């Protein structure tokens, strides 16, 4: 009977998940993000965290000295507090008691830190204007849709500067009811006083700067570049000088 109930529950759960994926897959964004969303943050932490070896060694030596010194002191104090009648009955101070005491202190401090950090993050999220959950696939689809719509509008008016700008601000949408102008900042590259040479779409609020892309549109060709390459792209169109974006020289050694 128990196996039948378990099998039935699994079948019902699988059917519910299939219906959710078919009808409203966005519902799963919250649990999936809470389950695996912090993995990438942990990976970025280890890539930017460069501890000094001597500091790590000193830290572990200090922990060992603290634990051993505390154990020796508690064993001495426990022996001094025992009276003469209970000498043979009371066991000596054990290592597991010392380690359990430090584990309790560590868990207590960790819980306090978690409460403080959770409160801080909830306050920060409540004040932030960025979306709580983002989907990089949907962001790329929105950019491609904006690119396709704007490309059609530009070709229809033969890349006329005034009419192409008006089409972007009024008729280009990434999704029903969401203007592309709220997501992307266009950079208009003029060919002459009447026509455009190129259009660069730059995301206004990239949440992952390393993965953000800009779209470069020219008559008959389109291509994507990393957001960090925007200065070089502007230089290629004659906006600015190459030396403005050159890497700064290393600081002199003392």
C-alpha atoms as a PDB file:
ATOM      1  CA  UNK A   1       0.000   0.000   0.000  1.00  0.00           C
ATOM      2  CA  UNK A   2       2.812   2.369   0.873  1.00  0.00           C
ATOM      3  CA  UNK A   3       4.576   1.713  -2.450  1.00  0.00           C
ATOM      4  CA  UNK A   4       1.342   2.372  -4.343  1.00  0.00           C
ATOM      5  CA  UNK A   5       0.924   5.754  -2.606  1.00  0.00           C
ATOM      6  CA  UNK A   6       4.529   6.716  -3.308  1.00  0.00           C
ATOM      7  CA  UNK A   7       4.218   5.760  -6.982  1.00  0.00           C
ATOM      8  CA  UNK A   8       0.940   7.659  -7.290  1.00  0.00           C
ATOM      9  CA  UNK A   9       2.453  10.731  -5.675  1.00  0.00           C
ATOM     10  CA  UNK A  10       5.398  10.652  -8.089  1.00  0.00           C
ATOM     11  CA  UNK A  11       3.074  10.371 -11.086  1.00  0.00           C
ATOM     12  CA  UNK A  12       0.928  13.278  -9.864  1.00  0.00           C
ATOM     13  CA  UNK A  13       4.025  15.399  -9.209  1.00  0.00           C
ATOM     14  CA  UNK A  14       5.394  14.633 -12.681  1.00  0.00           C
ATOM     15  CA  UNK A  15       2.062  15.550 -14.309  1.00  0.00           C
ATOM     16  CA  UNK A  16       1.912  18.834 -12.355  1.00  0.00           C
ATOM     17  CA  UNK A  17       5.484  19.717 -13.386  1.00  0.00           C
ATOM     18  CA  UNK A  18       4.685  18.978 -17.043  1.00  0.00           C
ATOM     19  CA  UNK A  19       1.610  21.243 -16.927  1.00  0.00           C
ATOM     20  CA  UNK A  20       3.639  23.994 -15.261  1.00  0.00           C
ATOM     21  CA  UNK A  21       6.338  23.758 -17.940  1.00  0.00           C
ATOM     22  CA  UNK A  22       3.722  23.900 -20.688  1.00  0.00           C
ATOM     23  CA  UNK A  23       1.474  26.626 -19.271  1.00  0.00           C
ATOM     24  CA  UNK A  24       3.561  28.854 -16.957  1.00  0.00           C
ATOM     25  CA  UNK A  25       7.262  27.929 -16.798  1.00  0.00           C
ATOM     26  CA  UNK A  26       8.014  31.250 -15.105  1.00  0.00           C
ATOM     27  CA  UNK A  27       6.633  29.856 -11.845  1.00  0.00           C
ATOM     28  CA  UNK A  28       9.697  27.631 -11.527  1.00  0.00           C
ATOM     29  CA  UNK A  29      12.111  30.583 -11.725  1.00  0.00           C
ATOM     30  CA  UNK A  30      11.839  31.291  -7.991  1.00  0.00           C
ATOM     31  CA  UNK A  31      12.602  27.776  -6.617  1.00  0.00           C
ATOM     32  CA  UNK A  32      15.245  27.050  -9.253  1.00  0.00           C
ATOM     33  CA  UNK A  33      16.991  30.378  -8.569  1.00  0.00           C
ATOM     34  CA  UNK A  34      16.955  29.781  -4.817  1.00  0.00           C
ATOM     35  CA  UNK A  35      18.320  26.272  -5.367  1.00  0.00           C
ATOM     36  CA  UNK A  36      21.176  26.921  -7.811  1.00  0.00           C
ATOM     37  CA  UNK A  37      21.371  30.700  -8.248  1.00  0.00           C
ATOM     38  CA  UNK A  38      24.007  31.147  -5.543  1.00  0.00           C
ATOM     39  CA  UNK A  39      26.413  28.683  -7.158  1.00  0.00           C
ATOM     40  CA  UNK A  40      27.697  31.282  -9.634  1.00  0.00           C
ATOM     41  CA  UNK A  41      28.096  33.864  -6.875  1.00  0.00           C
ATOM     42  CA  UNK A  42      30.214  31.397  -4.910  1.00  0.00           C
ATOM     43  CA  UNK A  43      32.300  30.727  -8.015  1.00  0.00           C
ATOM     44  CA  UNK A  44      32.863  34.459  -8.595  1.00  0.00           C
ATOM     45  CA  UNK A  45      33.863  34.828  -4.943  1.00  0.00           C
ATOM     46  CA  UNK A  46      36.606  32.227  -5.271  1.00  0.00           C
ATOM     47  CA  UNK A  47      37.879  33.804  -8.500  1.00  0.00           C
ATOM     48  CA  UNK A  48      38.294  37.264  -6.937  1.00  0.00           C
ATOM     49  CA  UNK A  49      39.384  36.105  -3.477  1.00  0.00           C
ATOM     50  CA  UNK A  50      43.179  35.945  -3.290  1.00  0.00           C
ATOM     51  CA  UNK A  51      44.176  35.240   0.327  1.00  0.00           C
ATOM     52  CA  UNK A  52      47.777  35.674   1.405  1.00  0.00           C
ATOM     53  CA  UNK A  53      49.342  32.270   2.285  1.00  0.00           C
ATOM     54  CA  UNK A  54      51.020  33.587   5.415  1.00  0.00           C
ATOM     55  CA  UNK A  55      47.717  35.035   6.655  1.00  0.00           C
ATOM     56  CA  UNK A  56      45.976  31.663   6.199  1.00  0.00           C
ATOM     57  CA  UNK A  57      48.782  29.857   8.045  1.00  0.00           C
ATOM     58  CA  UNK A  58      48.726  32.362  10.904  1.00  0.00           C
ATOM     59  CA  UNK A  59      44.928  32.064  11.165  1.00  0.00           C
ATOM     60  CA  UNK A  60      44.986  28.253  11.445  1.00  0.00           C
ATOM     61  CA  UNK A  61      47.858  28.351  13.931  1.00  0.00           C
ATOM     62  CA  UNK A  62      45.902  30.840  16.045  1.00  0.00           C
ATOM     63  CA  UNK A  63      42.832  28.557  15.964  1.00  0.00           C
ATOM     64  CA  UNK A  64      44.902  25.555  17.037  1.00  0.00           C
ATOM     65  CA  UNK A  65      46.534  27.493  19.884  1.00  0.00           C
ATOM     66  CA  UNK A  66      43.134  28.794  21.021  1.00  0.00           C
ATOM     67  CA  UNK A  67      41.472  25.351  21.030  1.00  0.00           C
ATOM     68  CA  UNK A  68      44.415  23.563  22.700  1.00  0.00           C
ATOM     69  CA  UNK A  69      44.885  26.327  25.269  1.00  0.00           C
ATOM     70  CA  UNK A  70      41.178  26.347  26.091  1.00  0.00           C
ATOM     71  CA  UNK A  71      41.154  22.568  26.500  1.00  0.00           C
ATOM     72  CA  UNK A  72      44.157  22.641  28.818  1.00  0.00           C
ATOM     73  CA  UNK A  73      42.611  25.416  30.919  1.00  0.00           C
ATOM     74  CA  UNK A  74      39.215  23.688  31.173  1.00  0.00           C
ATOM     75  CA  UNK A  75      40.856  20.379  32.123  1.00  0.00           C
ATOM     76  CA  UNK A  76      42.817  22.155  34.875  1.00  0.00           C
ATOM     77  CA  UNK A  77      39.715  24.035  36.059  1.00  0.00           C
ATOM     78  CA  UNK A  78      37.614  20.864  36.013  1.00  0.00           C
ATOM     79  CA  UNK A  79      40.200  19.050  38.124  1.00  0.00           C
ATOM     80  CA  UNK A  80      40.422  21.907  40.647  1.00  0.00           C
ATOM     81  CA  UNK A  81      36.634  22.083  41.067  1.00  0.00           C
ATOM     82  CA  UNK A  82      36.237  18.392  41.838  1.00  0.00           C
ATOM     83  CA  UNK A  83      36.015  17.599  45.510  1.00  0.00           C
ATOM     84  CA  UNK A  84      37.877  14.764  47.160  1.00  0.00           C
ATOM     85  CA  UNK A  85      34.924  12.368  47.291  1.00  0.00           C
ATOM     86  CA  UNK A  86      34.140  12.617  43.592  1.00  0.00           C
ATOM     87  CA  UNK A  87      37.694  12.229  42.342  1.00  0.00           C
ATOM     88  CA  UNK A  88      37.236   8.620  41.375  1.00  0.00           C
ATOM     89  CA  UNK A  89      33.716   9.091  39.992  1.00  0.00           C
ATOM     90  CA  UNK A  90      34.003  12.227  37.874  1.00  0.00           C
ATOM     91  CA  UNK A  91      35.701  11.636  34.506  1.00  0.00           C
ATOM     92  CA  UNK A  92      38.482  13.844  33.262  1.00  0.00           C
ATOM     93  CA  UNK A  93      37.719  16.700  30.909  1.00  0.00           C
ATOM     94  CA  UNK A  94      37.367  15.277  27.387  1.00  0.00           C
ATOM     95  CA  UNK A  95      38.352  16.667  24.016  1.00  0.00           C
ATOM     96  CA  UNK A  96      34.855  16.256  22.598  1.00  0.00           C
ATOM     97  CA  UNK A  97      33.474  18.588  25.277  1.00  0.00           C
ATOM     98  CA  UNK A  98      35.906  21.315  24.235  1.00  0.00           C
ATOM     99  CA  UNK A  99      35.216  20.792  20.533  1.00  0.00           C
ATOM    100  CA  UNK A 100      31.448  20.747  21.095  1.00  0.00           C
ATOM    101  CA  UNK A 101      31.711  24.005  23.038  1.00  0.00           C
ATOM    102  CA  UNK A 102      33.594  25.702  20.207  1.00  0.00           C
ATOM    103  CA  UNK A 103      31.142  24.257  17.661  1.00  0.00           C
ATOM    104  CA  UNK A 104      28.216  25.752  19.608  1.00  0.00           C
ATOM    105  CA  UNK A 105      29.938  29.151  19.732  1.00  0.00           C
ATOM    106  CA  UNK A 106      30.722  28.978  15.992  1.00  0.00           C
ATOM    107  CA  UNK A 107      27.133  28.036  15.074  1.00  0.00           C
ATOM    108  CA  UNK A 108      25.787  30.832  17.277  1.00  0.00           C
ATOM    109  CA  UNK A 109      28.012  33.441  15.650  1.00  0.00           C
ATOM    110  CA  UNK A 110      27.193  32.052  12.210  1.00  0.00           C
ATOM    111  CA  UNK A 111      23.448  32.295  12.938  1.00  0.00           C
ATOM    112  CA  UNK A 112      23.838  35.918  14.079  1.00  0.00           C
ATOM    113  CA  UNK A 113      25.777  36.765  10.912  1.00  0.00           C
ATOM    114  CA  UNK A 114      23.121  35.096   8.756  1.00  0.00           C
ATOM    115  CA  UNK A 115      20.342  37.110  10.424  1.00  0.00           C
ATOM    116  CA  UNK A 116      22.242  40.378   9.971  1.00  0.00           C
ATOM    117  CA  UNK A 117      23.156  39.645   6.342  1.00  0.00           C
ATOM    118  CA  UNK A 118      19.639  38.460   5.491  1.00  0.00           C
ATOM    119  CA  UNK A 119      18.152  41.639   6.941  1.00  0.00           C
ATOM    120  CA  UNK A 120      20.682  43.734   5.009  1.00  0.00           C
ATOM    121  CA  UNK A 121      19.999  41.930   1.725  1.00  0.00           C
ATOM    122  CA  UNK A 122      16.201  42.150   2.120  1.00  0.00           C
ATOM    123  CA  UNK A 123      16.495  45.890   2.703  1.00  0.00           C
ATOM    124  CA  UNK A 124      18.835  46.257  -0.289  1.00  0.00           C
ATOM    125  CA  UNK A 125      16.508  44.259  -2.568  1.00  0.00           C
ATOM    126  CA  UNK A 126      13.483  46.288  -1.442  1.00  0.00           C
ATOM    127  CA  UNK A 127      15.271  49.538  -2.371  1.00  0.00           C
ATOM    128  CA  UNK A 128      16.806  48.316  -5.630  1.00  0.00           C
ATOM    129  CA  UNK A 129      15.176  49.059  -8.982  1.00  0.00           C
ATOM    130  CA  UNK A 130      16.732  45.988 -10.646  1.00  0.00           C
ATOM    131  CA  UNK A 131      14.541  42.924 -11.178  1.00  0.00           C
ATOM    132  CA  UNK A 132      14.881  40.207  -8.564  1.00  0.00           C
ATOM    133  CA  UNK A 133      14.866  37.352 -11.089  1.00  0.00           C
ATOM    134  CA  UNK A 134      16.315  37.538 -14.597  1.00  0.00           C
ATOM    135  CA  UNK A 135      16.556  35.046 -17.403  1.00  0.00           C
ATOM    136  CA  UNK A 136      19.591  35.489 -19.715  1.00  0.00           C
ATOM    137  CA  UNK A 137      17.781  33.579 -22.466  1.00  0.00           C
ATOM    138  CA  UNK A 138      14.800  35.944 -22.325  1.00  0.00           C
ATOM    139  CA  UNK A 139      17.166  38.926 -22.286  1.00  0.00           C
ATOM    140  CA  UNK A 140      18.857  37.661 -25.461  1.00  0.00           C
ATOM    141  CA  UNK A 141      15.480  37.009 -27.087  1.00  0.00           C
ATOM    142  CA  UNK A 142      14.427  40.585 -26.232  1.00  0.00           C
ATOM    143  CA  UNK A 143      17.589  41.967 -27.839  1.00  0.00           C
ATOM    144  CA  UNK A 144      17.125  39.870 -30.985  1.00  0.00           C
ATOM    145  CA  UNK A 145      13.487  40.942 -31.231  1.00  0.00           C
ATOM    146  CA  UNK A 146      14.424  44.600 -30.861  1.00  0.00           C
ATOM    147  CA  UNK A 147      17.191  44.181 -33.408  1.00  0.00           C
ATOM    148  CA  UNK A 148      14.857  42.545 -35.936  1.00  0.00           C
ATOM    149  CA  UNK A 149      12.118  45.162 -35.476  1.00  0.00           C
ATOM    150  CA  UNK A 150      14.483  48.111 -35.673  1.00  0.00           C
ATOM    151  CA  UNK A 151      16.231  46.622 -38.687  1.00  0.00           C
ATOM    152  CA  UNK A 152      12.914  46.327 -40.494  1.00  0.00           C
ATOM    153  CA  UNK A 153      11.989  49.912 -39.646  1.00  0.00           C
ATOM    154  CA  UNK A 154      15.404  51.211 -40.770  1.00  0.00           C
ATOM    155  CA  UNK A 155      15.271  49.320 -44.055  1.00  0.00           C
ATOM    156  CA  UNK A 156      11.727  50.510 -44.686  1.00  0.00           C
ATOM    157  CA  UNK A 157      12.756  54.179 -44.455  1.00  0.00           C
ATOM    158  CA  UNK A 158      16.169  53.560 -46.114  1.00  0.00           C
ATOM    159  CA  UNK A 159      18.012  54.385 -42.876  1.00  0.00           C
ATOM    160  CA  UNK A 160      16.636  57.884 -42.756  1.00  0.00           C
ATOM    161  CA  UNK A 161      17.945  59.439 -39.547  1.00  0.00           C
ATOM    162  CA  UNK A 162      14.811  61.202 -38.331  1.00  0.00           C
ATOM    163  CA  UNK A 163      12.310  58.485 -39.237  1.00  0.00           C
ATOM    164  CA  UNK A 164      14.473  55.658 -37.860  1.00  0.00           C
ATOM    165  CA  UNK A 165      14.854  57.449 -34.531  1.00  0.00           C
ATOM    166  CA  UNK A 166      11.107  58.058 -34.341  1.00  0.00           C
ATOM    167  CA  UNK A 167      10.396  54.401 -35.140  1.00  0.00           C
ATOM    168  CA  UNK A 168      12.664  53.221 -32.340  1.00  0.00           C
ATOM    169  CA  UNK A 169      11.106  55.479 -29.701  1.00  0.00           C
ATOM    170  CA  UNK A 170       7.519  54.825 -30.780  1.00  0.00           C
ATOM    171  CA  UNK A 171       7.104  51.434 -32.497  1.00  0.00           C
ATOM    172  CA  UNK A 172       9.925  49.059 -31.452  1.00  0.00           C
ATOM    173  CA  UNK A 173       8.937  46.712 -28.597  1.00  0.00           C
ATOM    174  CA  UNK A 174      10.728  43.756 -26.999  1.00  0.00           C
ATOM    175  CA  UNK A 175       7.455  42.206 -25.867  1.00  0.00           C
ATOM    176  CA  UNK A 176       3.801  43.273 -25.826  1.00  0.00           C
ATOM    177  CA  UNK A 177       3.600  46.552 -23.940  1.00  0.00           C
ATOM    178  CA  UNK A 178       7.350  46.868 -23.180  1.00  0.00           C
ATOM    179  CA  UNK A 179       9.181  49.504 -25.259  1.00  0.00           C
ATOM    180  CA  UNK A 180      12.699  48.678 -26.335  1.00  0.00           C
ATOM    181  CA  UNK A 181      13.757  52.191 -25.331  1.00  0.00           C
ATOM    182  CA  UNK A 182      13.324  51.231 -21.661  1.00  0.00           C
ATOM    183  CA  UNK A 183      15.843  48.386 -21.984  1.00  0.00           C
ATOM    184  CA  UNK A 184      18.331  49.609 -24.576  1.00  0.00           C
ATOM    185  CA  UNK A 185      20.084  52.913 -25.114  1.00  0.00           C
ATOM    186  CA  UNK A 186      20.632  53.532 -28.837  1.00  0.00           C
ATOM    187  CA  UNK A 187      23.765  55.212 -30.159  1.00  0.00           C
ATOM    188  CA  UNK A 188      23.130  56.777 -33.550  1.00  0.00           C
ATOM    189  CA  UNK A 189      26.129  56.862 -35.922  1.00  0.00           C
ATOM    190  CA  UNK A 190      25.443  59.489 -38.608  1.00  0.00           C
ATOM    191  CA  UNK A 191      26.571  58.982 -42.186  1.00  0.00           C
ATOM    192  CA  UNK A 192      25.549  62.461 -43.267  1.00  0.00           C
ATOM    193  CA  UNK A 193      22.891  64.931 -42.279  1.00  0.00           C
ATOM    194  CA  UNK A 194      20.031  62.734 -43.507  1.00  0.00           C
ATOM    195  CA  UNK A 195      20.977  59.049 -43.182  1.00  0.00           C
ATOM    196  CA  UNK A 196      22.476  56.755 -40.566  1.00  0.00           C
ATOM    197  CA  UNK A 197      25.652  54.757 -40.941  1.00  0.00           C
ATOM    198  CA  UNK A 198      25.058  52.426 -37.976  1.00  0.00           C
ATOM    199  CA  UNK A 199      23.040  51.953 -34.779  1.00  0.00           C
ATOM    200  CA  UNK A 200      24.455  50.517 -31.554  1.00  0.00           C
ATOM    201  CA  UNK A 201      22.038  49.095 -28.982  1.00  0.00           C
ATOM    202  CA  UNK A 202      23.496  49.188 -25.463  1.00  0.00           C
ATOM    203  CA  UNK A 203      21.688  47.535 -22.502  1.00  0.00           C
ATOM    204  CA  UNK A 204      20.709  50.154 -19.928  1.00  0.00           C
ATOM    205  CA  UNK A 205      20.908  47.955 -16.830  1.00  0.00           C
ATOM    206  CA  UNK A 206      23.189  44.947 -17.437  1.00  0.00           C
ATOM    207  CA  UNK A 207      23.098  42.761 -14.332  1.00  0.00           C
ATOM    208  CA  UNK A 208      25.978  40.565 -15.513  1.00  0.00           C
ATOM    209  CA  UNK A 209      28.505  42.897 -17.052  1.00  0.00           C
ATOM    210  CA  UNK A 210      30.832  40.121 -18.238  1.00  0.00           C
ATOM    211  CA  UNK A 211      28.033  38.471 -20.252  1.00  0.00           C
ATOM    212  CA  UNK A 212      26.304  41.623 -21.506  1.00  0.00           C
ATOM    213  CA  UNK A 213      26.354  42.247 -25.259  1.00  0.00           C
ATOM    214  CA  UNK A 214      25.853  45.228 -27.522  1.00  0.00           C
ATOM    215  CA  UNK A 215      24.291  44.952 -30.967  1.00  0.00           C
ATOM    216  CA  UNK A 216      25.906  46.825 -33.838  1.00  0.00           C
ATOM    217  CA  UNK A 217      23.535  47.390 -36.767  1.00  0.00           C
ATOM    218  CA  UNK A 218      24.680  48.504 -40.198  1.00  0.00           C
ATOM    219  CA  UNK A 219      22.870  48.382 -43.543  1.00  0.00           C
ATOM    220  CA  UNK A 220      23.016  44.753 -44.622  1.00  0.00           C
ATOM    221  CA  UNK A 221      24.907  43.404 -41.590  1.00  0.00           C
ATOM    222  CA  UNK A 222      24.524  43.004 -37.829  1.00  0.00           C
ATOM    223  CA  UNK A 223      26.861  41.634 -35.195  1.00  0.00           C
ATOM    224  CA  UNK A 224      27.196  41.436 -31.424  1.00  0.00           C
ATOM    225  CA  UNK A 225      30.123  42.535 -29.280  1.00  0.00           C
ATOM    226  CA  UNK A 226      30.926  42.366 -25.575  1.00  0.00           C
ATOM    227  CA  UNK A 227      29.844  45.384 -23.592  1.00  0.00           C
ATOM    228  CA  UNK A 228      33.450  45.934 -22.548  1.00  0.00           C
ATOM    229  CA  UNK A 229      34.328  46.393 -26.247  1.00  0.00           C
ATOM    230  CA  UNK A 230      32.036  49.426 -26.622  1.00  0.00           C
ATOM    231  CA  UNK A 231      34.900  51.991 -26.529  1.00  0.00           C
ATOM    232  CA  UNK A 232      36.735  50.157 -29.322  1.00  0.00           C
ATOM    233  CA  UNK A 233      33.553  49.938 -31.379  1.00  0.00           C
ATOM    234  CA  UNK A 234      33.027  53.674 -31.018  1.00  0.00           C
ATOM    235  CA  UNK A 235      36.616  54.317 -32.088  1.00  0.00           C
ATOM    236  CA  UNK A 236      36.080  52.140 -35.178  1.00  0.00           C
ATOM    237  CA  UNK A 237      33.298  54.542 -36.213  1.00  0.00           C
ATOM    238  CA  UNK A 238      35.484  57.569 -35.644  1.00  0.00           C
ATOM    239  CA  UNK A 239      34.074  58.566 -32.263  1.00  0.00           C
ATOM    240  CA  UNK A 240      36.985  59.364 -29.947  1.00  0.00           C
ATOM    241  CA  UNK A 241      40.697  58.601 -30.185  1.00  0.00           C
ATOM    242  CA  UNK A 242      42.354  55.211 -29.663  1.00  0.00           C
ATOM    243  CA  UNK A 243      44.676  56.608 -27.001  1.00  0.00           C
ATOM    244  CA  UNK A 244      41.674  57.590 -24.862  1.00  0.00           C
ATOM    245  CA  UNK A 245      40.916  53.926 -24.201  1.00  0.00           C
ATOM    246  CA  UNK A 246      44.459  52.606 -23.998  1.00  0.00           C
ATOM    247  CA  UNK A 247      45.426  50.616 -20.925  1.00  0.00           C
ATOM    248  CA  UNK A 248      47.034  52.814 -18.245  1.00  0.00           C
ATOM    249  CA  UNK A 249      50.730  52.201 -17.599  1.00  0.00           C
ATOM    250  CA  UNK A 250      51.606  50.102 -14.536  1.00  0.00           C
ATOM    251  CA  UNK A 251      52.384  52.067 -11.382  1.00  0.00           C
ATOM    252  CA  UNK A 252      56.102  52.642 -10.722  1.00  0.00           C
ATOM    253  CA  UNK A 253      57.755  50.366  -8.228  1.00  0.00           C
ATOM    254  CA  UNK A 254      58.896  51.977  -4.969  1.00  0.00           C
END
